[in-house]
Amino acid sequence: MSGEQPARVSVDVEVSGHIIDSLILPKILDQILTRGGRFEIKSFQIGQQRDDPSYALIEVQADQWSKLDEILASIADHGAVPVNNLDCRLEAADLDGAFPEGFYATTNQRTEVRIDGQWIPVEDQEMDCGIVVDRQERKARCVAMADVKKGQWVVVGYNGVRVYPQERTAERHSEFEFMTSAVSTEKPKGVAIRRIATEMRQARSEGGRILVVAGPAVVHTGSGPHLCRLIRAGYVDVLFAGNALAAHDIEEALFGTSLGVRLDRGEIAEAGHEHHLRTINRIRRVGGIRRAVEQGLLARGIMFECVRHGVDFLLAGSIRDDGPLPEVITDVLEAQRLMRRKLRGVTFCLMLATTLHSIAVGNLLPAWVRVVCVDINPSTAIKLSDRGSIQTLGLVTDVEPFLRALVDELEISDC
């Protein structure tokens, strides 16, 4: 029996940036070992100054090509790029609504593809999509599976694709380190809210757009007036919600109740269980929320303020909805498409007391958009992070005291 070692296959990869303090390099090496490979660091240059990038050239080894391909796929998400100077491989989609086998599945990190020797940034970055390339225009963009069309050129495999992982900057480290640990109810809420207010001021001053994703608990808990103040003060550019938030917000404006409960006294109103249905019916009879505002039927509340102050809103429906309200989009694929359009230019996202909508929107956001998730249930923020929205900062608290404190911190008067 021969004592020779089995033949091994290898590929050199390189990675650069803040790969030490962002723990990118350890993650890459761990992925190689965990998946049964080996590595040899051929070159390692450490940045001398705080802002200087570091660089590593690594030989990745495996027993067979299939195992090596698996390793390369796992470390590509961390920015490790094979040193082969190959263009990305393109294959034409052979039918609508499906990618070719072996398509490159995107992350929410900044990505580039190599076309004719030139690296091209991928537009509309989003996780769990494919990359469609227009060779004549020399453009590449993320496209959802349902939206790919027959004949479009789709990136296949990992050659000619490089990812730039979101790095932990010194500012983020110093100001938000206490929020990046496991989700906990024991984090200092006052400090967190002050820093969230700073982020919102910065987003507004720099011309970024602020997105609020809100669930009906915002109305049920009596938080509606606080959100109205944020809208009036110009801290909300886009609102994503479902039928329930709008229905109960308008119910409160028309009947003073939410789910039949009087918010001023906490008492159940007589026949209050009918109020949300009568609310939806009235809005449907006049032709929608905007028509209700124009006609004076709706004169206060979150949806009123959105119409009055030109806040772009999108209401995505679900199978549970009563009515629904005329503006509610019941086609989930169409709702996704419209969300993607309205997300362009968003730099800060505040998610308030909604698990399903928060996770749905988190899947659509690129990694460089700051996300703050506020929920009484810690699993909401945990699920967001587990599903790839690693930029999420979770705050476990009831939404009403949070919004009240945020409005005070932003020094918004009762305008």
Protein backbone atom coordinates (compact mmCIF):
# COMPACT_ATOMS: atom_id res chain seq x y z
CA MET A 1 0.00 0.00 0.00
CA SER A 2 1.40 3.36 -1.00
CA GLY A 3 2.14 5.89 1.71
CA GLU A 4 1.68 8.84 -0.63
CA GLN A 5 -0.67 11.62 0.40
CA PRO A 6 -3.75 12.06 -1.82
CA ALA A 7 -3.49 14.77 -4.45
CA ARG A 8 -4.84 18.10 -3.40
CA VAL A 9 -6.27 20.96 -5.44
CA SER A 10 -5.81 24.59 -4.52
CA VAL A 11 -6.69 28.16 -5.48
CA ASP A 12 -5.15 31.41 -4.29
CA VAL A 13 -7.60 33.99 -2.94
CA GLU A 14 -7.06 37.52 -1.73
CA VAL A 15 -8.95 39.67 0.73
CA SER A 16 -8.41 43.28 1.72
CA GLY A 17 -9.90 45.99 3.90
CA HIS A 18 -10.39 46.16 7.67
CA ILE A 19 -10.17 42.39 7.82
CA ILE A 20 -8.75 42.17 11.35
CA ASP A 21 -10.87 44.48 13.51
CA SER A 22 -13.99 43.46 11.55
CA LEU A 23 -13.07 39.78 12.18
CA ILE A 24 -13.33 39.05 8.45
CA LEU A 25 -10.05 37.14 8.22
CA PRO A 26 -10.82 34.80 11.15
CA LYS A 27 -14.23 34.06 9.64
CA ILE A 28 -12.63 33.12 6.31
CA LEU A 29 -10.06 30.84 7.90
CA ASP A 30 -12.74 29.23 10.07
CA GLN A 31 -14.93 28.54 7.02
CA ILE A 32 -12.00 26.85 5.25
CA LEU A 33 -11.28 24.55 8.18
CA THR A 34 -14.92 23.86 9.03
CA ARG A 35 -15.57 22.66 5.47
CA GLY A 36 -12.63 20.25 5.49
CA GLY A 37 -10.07 22.39 3.70
CA ARG A 38 -6.63 23.72 4.56
CA PHE A 39 -4.98 27.06 4.05
CA GLU A 40 -1.57 28.66 3.77
CA ILE A 41 -1.20 32.40 4.22
CA LYS A 42 1.27 33.39 1.50
CA SER A 43 1.27 37.12 2.15
CA PHE A 44 -0.08 39.25 4.98
CA GLN A 45 0.18 43.04 5.20
CA ILE A 46 -1.28 44.80 8.23
CA GLY A 47 -2.41 48.41 7.92
CA GLN A 48 -0.17 50.67 10.01
CA GLN A 49 -2.71 53.43 10.67
CA ARG A 50 -6.24 53.15 11.95
CA ASP A 51 -7.77 53.84 8.55
CA ASP A 52 -5.25 51.77 6.56
CA PRO A 53 -6.58 48.55 4.98
CA SER A 54 -4.91 45.18 5.52
CA TYR A 55 -4.30 42.55 2.86
CA ALA A 56 -3.95 38.75 2.85
CA LEU A 57 -3.11 36.30 0.06
CA ILE A 58 -4.28 32.80 1.02
CA GLU A 59 -3.84 29.47 -0.70
CA VAL A 60 -7.01 27.43 -0.15
CA GLN A 61 -6.56 23.65 -0.42
CA ALA A 62 -9.02 20.74 -0.61
CA ASP A 63 -9.04 17.06 -1.56
CA GLN A 64 -11.23 17.53 -4.63
CA TRP A 65 -12.61 20.28 -6.82
CA SER A 66 -16.19 19.91 -5.59
CA LYS A 67 -15.04 20.47 -2.01
CA LEU A 68 -12.89 23.41 -3.08
CA ASP A 69 -15.85 24.98 -4.92
CA GLU A 70 -17.93 24.61 -1.76
CA ILE A 71 -15.24 26.39 0.28
CA LEU A 72 -14.83 29.18 -2.27
CA ALA A 73 -18.60 29.73 -2.25
CA SER A 74 -18.66 30.04 1.55
CA ILE A 75 -15.76 32.50 1.79
CA ALA A 76 -16.87 34.62 -1.17
CA ASP A 77 -19.51 36.24 1.06
CA HIS A 78 -16.66 37.51 3.24
CA GLY A 79 -14.86 39.16 0.32
CA ALA A 80 -12.34 36.44 -0.55
CA VAL A 81 -11.76 36.61 -4.32
CA PRO A 82 -9.83 34.00 -6.37
CA VAL A 83 -6.68 35.48 -7.93
CA ASN A 84 -7.38 34.25 -11.43
CA ASN A 85 -8.31 37.44 -13.31
CA LEU A 86 -11.30 35.68 -14.89
CA ASP A 87 -14.43 37.45 -16.06
CA CYS A 88 -17.73 36.39 -14.59
CA ARG A 89 -19.43 33.56 -16.46
CA LEU A 90 -22.74 34.46 -18.07
CA GLU A 91 -25.53 32.17 -19.13
CA ALA A 92 -28.81 33.17 -20.78
CA ALA A 93 -32.00 32.51 -18.82
CA ASP A 94 -33.90 29.83 -20.69
CA LEU A 95 -37.34 30.74 -19.34
CA ASP A 96 -39.16 33.48 -17.46
CA GLY A 97 -39.15 33.36 -13.67
CA ALA A 98 -36.16 31.02 -13.18
CA PHE A 99 -32.39 31.36 -13.21
CA PRO A 100 -30.01 28.97 -14.97
CA GLU A 101 -28.68 26.18 -12.75
CA GLY A 102 -25.59 27.24 -10.81
CA PHE A 103 -26.54 30.95 -10.76
CA TYR A 104 -24.69 33.19 -8.33
CA ALA A 105 -26.94 33.85 -5.29
CA THR A 106 -26.41 37.38 -4.00
CA THR A 107 -25.90 38.74 -0.51
CA ASN A 108 -26.85 42.20 0.76
CA GLN A 109 -23.17 43.26 0.70
CA ARG A 110 -21.64 45.56 -1.91
CA THR A 111 -20.77 43.41 -4.93
CA GLU A 112 -18.88 43.82 -8.20
CA VAL A 113 -18.65 41.59 -11.27
CA ARG A 114 -15.79 41.47 -13.79
CA ILE A 115 -16.83 42.06 -17.40
CA ASP A 116 -14.24 42.26 -20.19
CA GLY A 117 -11.50 42.83 -17.62
CA GLN A 118 -13.31 45.64 -15.82
CA TRP A 119 -14.99 45.46 -12.41
CA ILE A 120 -18.59 46.74 -12.56
CA PRO A 121 -20.63 47.58 -9.44
CA VAL A 122 -23.86 45.66 -9.02
CA GLU A 123 -26.88 47.96 -8.70
CA ASP A 124 -29.99 47.46 -6.54
CA GLN A 125 -28.06 45.29 -4.09
CA GLU A 126 -30.28 42.77 -2.33
CA MET A 127 -29.86 39.34 -0.78
CA ASP A 128 -31.24 36.13 -2.32
CA CYS A 129 -31.36 37.37 -5.91
CA GLY A 130 -29.39 36.72 -9.09
CA ILE A 131 -27.21 39.15 -11.06
CA VAL A 132 -28.37 40.14 -14.54
CA VAL A 133 -25.79 41.75 -16.84
CA ASP A 134 -26.37 44.10 -19.77
CA ARG A 135 -23.16 43.73 -21.75
CA GLN A 136 -23.87 46.60 -24.14
CA GLU A 137 -24.58 49.07 -21.33
CA ARG A 138 -21.91 47.45 -19.13
CA LYS A 139 -24.28 47.34 -16.19
CA ALA A 140 -25.17 44.68 -13.65
CA ARG A 141 -28.05 44.60 -11.18
CA CYS A 142 -29.75 42.29 -8.70
CA VAL A 143 -32.95 40.75 -10.00
CA ALA A 144 -35.44 38.66 -8.01
CA MET A 145 -36.13 35.17 -9.31
CA ALA A 146 -39.74 35.96 -10.21
CA ASP A 147 -38.63 38.94 -12.33
CA VAL A 148 -35.94 37.35 -14.51
CA LYS A 149 -36.86 37.17 -18.20
CA LYS A 150 -35.91 34.61 -20.82
CA GLY A 151 -32.78 35.66 -22.69
CA GLN A 152 -31.32 37.86 -19.95
CA TRP A 153 -27.66 37.17 -19.17
CA VAL A 154 -27.26 35.83 -15.64
CA VAL A 155 -24.02 35.43 -13.66
CA VAL A 156 -23.25 31.76 -13.03
CA GLY A 157 -20.67 30.49 -10.55
CA TYR A 158 -18.22 32.51 -8.43
CA ASN A 159 -15.48 33.50 -10.86
CA GLY A 160 -15.38 37.21 -11.59
CA VAL A 161 -17.50 38.12 -8.56
CA ARG A 162 -16.20 39.96 -5.52
CA VAL A 163 -17.98 41.02 -2.36
CA TYR A 164 -17.11 43.87 0.01
CA PRO A 165 -18.26 42.83 3.50
CA GLN A 166 -19.66 45.57 5.70
CA GLU A 167 -16.78 46.61 7.93
CA ARG A 168 -17.04 47.71 11.51
CA THR A 169 -15.86 51.31 11.52
CA ALA A 170 -14.33 53.04 14.51
CA GLU A 171 -17.42 55.26 14.82
CA ARG A 172 -19.75 52.28 14.87
CA HIS A 173 -17.50 50.51 17.35
CA SER A 174 -17.43 53.39 19.81
CA GLU A 175 -21.05 54.50 19.56
CA PHE A 176 -22.97 51.29 19.03
CA GLU A 177 -20.80 48.55 20.50
CA PHE A 178 -23.16 48.15 23.44
CA MET A 179 -25.99 47.38 21.01
CA THR A 180 -24.18 44.79 18.87
CA SER A 181 -24.15 42.07 21.51
CA ALA A 182 -26.91 39.47 21.81
CA VAL A 183 -30.36 41.02 22.07
CA SER A 184 -31.13 41.82 25.70
CA THR A 185 -33.78 43.66 27.70
CA GLU A 186 -31.05 45.07 29.94
CA LYS A 187 -29.42 47.47 27.53
CA PRO A 188 -29.49 51.18 28.50
CA LYS A 189 -32.50 52.50 26.58
CA GLY A 190 -31.76 56.19 27.14
CA VAL A 191 -28.28 55.96 25.63
CA ALA A 192 -29.60 53.94 22.69
CA ILE A 193 -32.41 56.39 21.95
CA ARG A 194 -30.03 59.37 22.05
CA ARG A 195 -27.80 57.70 19.49
CA ILE A 196 -30.73 56.69 17.30
CA ALA A 197 -31.86 60.33 17.32
CA THR A 198 -28.35 61.35 16.24
CA GLU A 199 -28.49 58.86 13.35
CA MET A 200 -31.86 60.23 12.23
CA ARG A 201 -30.66 63.84 12.35
CA GLN A 202 -27.59 62.86 10.34
CA ALA A 203 -29.65 60.99 7.74
CA ARG A 204 -31.92 64.00 7.27
CA SER A 205 -29.09 66.54 7.14
CA GLU A 206 -27.19 64.47 4.54
CA GLY A 207 -30.20 64.18 2.25
CA GLY A 208 -30.84 60.51 3.01
CA ARG A 209 -34.32 59.10 3.22
CA ILE A 210 -35.77 57.65 6.44
CA LEU A 211 -38.03 54.61 6.22
CA VAL A 212 -40.42 53.59 9.00
CA VAL A 213 -41.84 50.07 9.04
CA ALA A 214 -44.72 49.90 11.49
CA GLY A 215 -47.20 47.37 12.82
CA PRO A 216 -50.69 47.90 14.31
CA ALA A 217 -49.26 47.78 17.84
CA VAL A 218 -48.14 51.37 17.19
CA VAL A 219 -51.85 52.29 17.26
CA HIS A 220 -52.97 49.78 19.92
CA THR A 221 -50.39 51.09 22.42
CA GLY A 222 -51.34 54.73 21.91
CA SER A 223 -48.11 55.51 20.04
CA GLY A 224 -49.83 57.01 17.02
CA PRO A 225 -49.52 60.67 18.13
CA HIS A 226 -45.74 60.24 18.57
CA LEU A 227 -45.36 58.85 15.04
CA CYS A 228 -47.51 61.73 13.77
CA ARG A 229 -45.09 64.18 15.36
CA LEU A 230 -42.16 62.47 13.62
CA ILE A 231 -43.98 62.80 10.31
CA ARG A 232 -44.82 66.47 10.83
CA ALA A 233 -41.21 67.22 11.78
CA GLY A 234 -39.89 65.65 8.56
CA TYR A 235 -38.31 62.53 10.05
CA VAL A 236 -40.33 60.08 7.94
CA ASP A 237 -39.93 59.93 4.15
CA VAL A 238 -41.43 56.50 3.51
CA LEU A 239 -43.87 54.36 5.53
CA PHE A 240 -44.25 50.61 4.99
CA ALA A 241 -47.10 48.85 6.80
CA GLY A 242 -50.00 46.50 6.32
CA ASN A 243 -53.76 46.82 6.19
CA ALA A 244 -54.01 46.57 9.98
CA LEU A 245 -51.95 49.66 10.90
CA ALA A 246 -53.88 51.86 8.48
CA ALA A 247 -57.28 50.38 9.40
CA HIS A 248 -56.83 50.79 13.16
CA ASP A 249 -55.24 54.21 12.79
CA ILE A 250 -58.28 55.41 10.82
CA GLU A 251 -60.58 53.58 13.25
CA GLU A 252 -59.06 55.62 16.07
CA ALA A 253 -59.55 58.82 14.08
CA LEU A 254 -63.21 58.05 13.33
CA PHE A 255 -64.33 56.21 16.47
CA GLY A 256 -61.65 56.88 19.11
CA THR A 257 -60.99 53.13 19.38
CA SER A 258 -58.43 50.58 18.26
CA LEU A 259 -59.74 47.01 18.00
CA GLY A 260 -62.81 48.36 19.76
CA VAL A 261 -60.86 49.64 22.80
CA ARG A 262 -61.07 53.35 23.67
CA LEU A 263 -57.46 54.50 23.76
CA ASP A 264 -58.14 57.42 26.08
CA ARG A 265 -59.74 55.27 28.81
CA GLY A 266 -58.78 51.68 28.02
CA GLU A 267 -62.43 50.62 27.98
CA ILE A 268 -64.17 48.40 25.46
CA ALA A 269 -66.68 50.43 23.47
CA GLU A 270 -70.17 49.12 22.89
CA ALA A 271 -70.18 47.23 19.58
CA GLY A 272 -66.53 48.22 19.32
CA HIS A 273 -65.66 44.95 17.61
CA GLU A 274 -67.45 46.33 14.54
CA HIS A 275 -65.50 49.58 14.36
CA HIS A 276 -62.61 48.40 12.21
CA LEU A 277 -65.02 46.90 9.67
CA ARG A 278 -67.14 50.06 9.57
CA THR A 279 -63.93 52.06 9.17
CA ILE A 280 -62.74 50.03 6.20
CA ASN A 281 -66.20 50.17 4.65
CA ARG A 282 -66.37 53.98 4.90
CA ILE A 283 -62.95 54.39 3.28
CA ARG A 284 -63.86 51.97 0.51
CA ARG A 285 -67.10 53.87 -0.14
CA VAL A 286 -65.26 57.16 -0.72
CA GLY A 287 -62.56 55.55 -2.87
CA GLY A 288 -59.52 55.38 -0.59
CA ILE A 289 -57.47 57.07 2.11
CA ARG A 290 -56.42 60.07 0.02
CA ARG A 291 -60.01 60.71 -1.03
CA ALA A 292 -61.08 60.50 2.62
CA VAL A 293 -58.54 63.21 3.51
CA GLU A 294 -59.57 65.39 0.58
CA GLN A 295 -63.25 65.12 1.54
CA GLY A 296 -62.62 65.85 5.22
CA LEU A 297 -63.75 62.42 6.39
CA LEU A 298 -60.25 61.69 7.74
CA ALA A 299 -58.82 64.65 9.67
CA ARG A 300 -56.17 63.21 11.98
CA GLY A 301 -53.91 60.22 12.54
CA ILE A 302 -50.89 58.59 10.93
CA MET A 303 -52.39 58.10 7.48
CA PHE A 304 -53.81 61.63 7.50
CA GLU A 305 -50.37 63.06 8.27
CA CYS A 306 -48.78 60.94 5.53
CA VAL A 307 -51.18 62.35 2.94
CA ARG A 308 -50.95 65.88 4.29
CA HIS A 309 -47.13 65.95 4.37
CA GLY A 310 -46.43 63.98 1.21
CA VAL A 311 -44.97 60.91 2.92
CA ASP A 312 -44.77 58.03 0.46
CA PHE A 313 -46.56 55.02 1.94
CA LEU A 314 -47.03 51.42 0.86
CA LEU A 315 -49.52 49.05 2.45
CA ALA A 316 -48.79 45.37 1.71
CA GLY A 317 -51.65 42.98 2.33
CA SER A 318 -51.88 39.49 3.77
CA ILE A 319 -54.37 36.63 3.67
CA ARG A 320 -55.74 37.73 7.08
CA ASP A 321 -56.86 41.18 6.00
CA ASP A 322 -60.41 42.46 6.39
CA GLY A 323 -61.58 44.58 3.50
CA PRO A 324 -58.90 45.50 2.69
CA LEU A 325 -58.49 49.25 2.35
CA PRO A 326 -58.34 50.35 -1.31
CA GLU A 327 -54.64 51.29 -1.18
CA VAL A 328 -53.59 47.86 0.11
CA ILE A 329 -51.60 45.86 -2.46
CA THR A 330 -52.79 42.26 -2.28
CA ASP A 331 -50.38 40.85 -4.88
CA VAL A 332 -47.28 40.04 -2.82
CA LEU A 333 -44.93 40.01 -5.81
CA GLU A 334 -46.20 43.42 -6.93
CA ALA A 335 -45.79 44.69 -3.34
CA GLN A 336 -42.16 43.50 -3.39
CA ARG A 337 -41.49 45.27 -6.69
CA LEU A 338 -42.95 48.55 -5.42
CA MET A 339 -41.03 48.25 -2.14
CA ARG A 340 -37.77 47.90 -4.07
CA ARG A 341 -38.49 51.11 -5.98
CA LYS A 342 -39.41 53.07 -2.87
CA LEU A 343 -36.30 51.84 -1.01
CA ARG A 344 -33.95 53.65 -3.37
CA GLY A 345 -32.18 56.40 -1.50
CA VAL A 346 -33.16 55.08 1.96
CA THR A 347 -30.23 55.36 4.37
CA PHE A 348 -31.95 54.74 7.72
CA CYS A 349 -34.76 52.34 8.62
CA LEU A 350 -36.77 52.31 11.85
CA MET A 351 -38.79 49.13 12.40
CA LEU A 352 -41.55 49.39 14.99
CA ALA A 353 -43.41 46.45 16.52
CA THR A 354 -43.91 44.22 13.48
CA THR A 355 -42.18 40.90 12.98
CA LEU A 356 -43.40 39.91 9.51
CA HIS A 357 -43.01 43.30 7.85
CA SER A 358 -39.64 43.89 9.53
CA ILE A 359 -38.20 40.61 8.23
CA ALA A 360 -39.70 41.17 4.78
CA VAL A 361 -38.19 44.64 4.48
CA GLY A 362 -34.89 43.51 6.01
CA ASN A 363 -34.55 41.00 3.16
CA LEU A 364 -34.81 43.84 0.64
CA LEU A 365 -32.31 46.25 2.22
CA PRO A 366 -28.60 46.43 1.36
CA ALA A 367 -26.19 45.96 4.25
CA TRP A 368 -25.10 49.61 4.37
CA VAL A 369 -28.56 50.90 5.36
CA ARG A 370 -28.69 51.37 9.12
CA VAL A 371 -31.58 49.40 10.65
CA VAL A 372 -33.02 49.85 14.14
CA CYS A 373 -35.62 47.29 15.21
CA VAL A 374 -37.78 48.14 18.21
CA ASP A 375 -40.00 45.35 19.53
CA ILE A 376 -41.19 44.01 22.85
CA ASN A 377 -40.37 40.54 21.48
CA PRO A 378 -36.59 39.97 21.25
CA SER A 379 -37.04 37.23 18.64
CA THR A 380 -37.89 39.86 15.99
CA ALA A 381 -34.43 41.43 16.09
CA ILE A 382 -32.80 38.00 16.41
CA LYS A 383 -34.64 36.68 13.34
CA LEU A 384 -33.61 39.74 11.33
CA SER A 385 -29.95 39.17 12.15
CA ASP A 386 -30.17 35.40 11.59
CA ARG A 387 -31.64 35.96 8.14
CA GLY A 388 -28.72 38.11 7.02
CA SER A 389 -29.66 41.65 8.10
CA ILE A 390 -26.49 41.86 10.17
CA GLN A 391 -26.64 45.65 10.35
CA THR A 392 -29.74 45.49 12.56
CA LEU A 393 -29.53 47.09 16.00
CA GLY A 394 -32.19 45.57 18.27
CA LEU A 395 -33.91 47.41 21.11
CA VAL A 396 -36.25 45.31 23.26
CA THR A 397 -38.91 47.60 24.69
CA ASP A 398 -42.53 48.62 24.32
CA VAL A 399 -42.98 50.90 21.33
CA GLU A 400 -44.90 53.68 23.13
CA PRO A 401 -42.24 54.76 25.64
CA PHE A 402 -39.60 54.38 22.93
CA LEU A 403 -41.36 56.71 20.51
CA ARG A 404 -42.22 59.17 23.27
CA ALA A 405 -38.57 59.34 24.32
CA LEU A 406 -37.36 59.55 20.71
CA VAL A 407 -39.65 62.49 19.96
CA ASP A 408 -38.40 64.26 23.10
CA GLU A 409 -34.78 63.53 22.19
CA LEU A 410 -35.32 64.99 18.73
CA GLU A 411 -36.81 68.05 20.47
CA ILE A 412 -39.94 67.95 18.35
CA SER A 413 -42.55 70.38 19.59
CA ASP A 414 -46.29 69.72 19.40
CA CYS A 415 -46.48 71.20 15.91
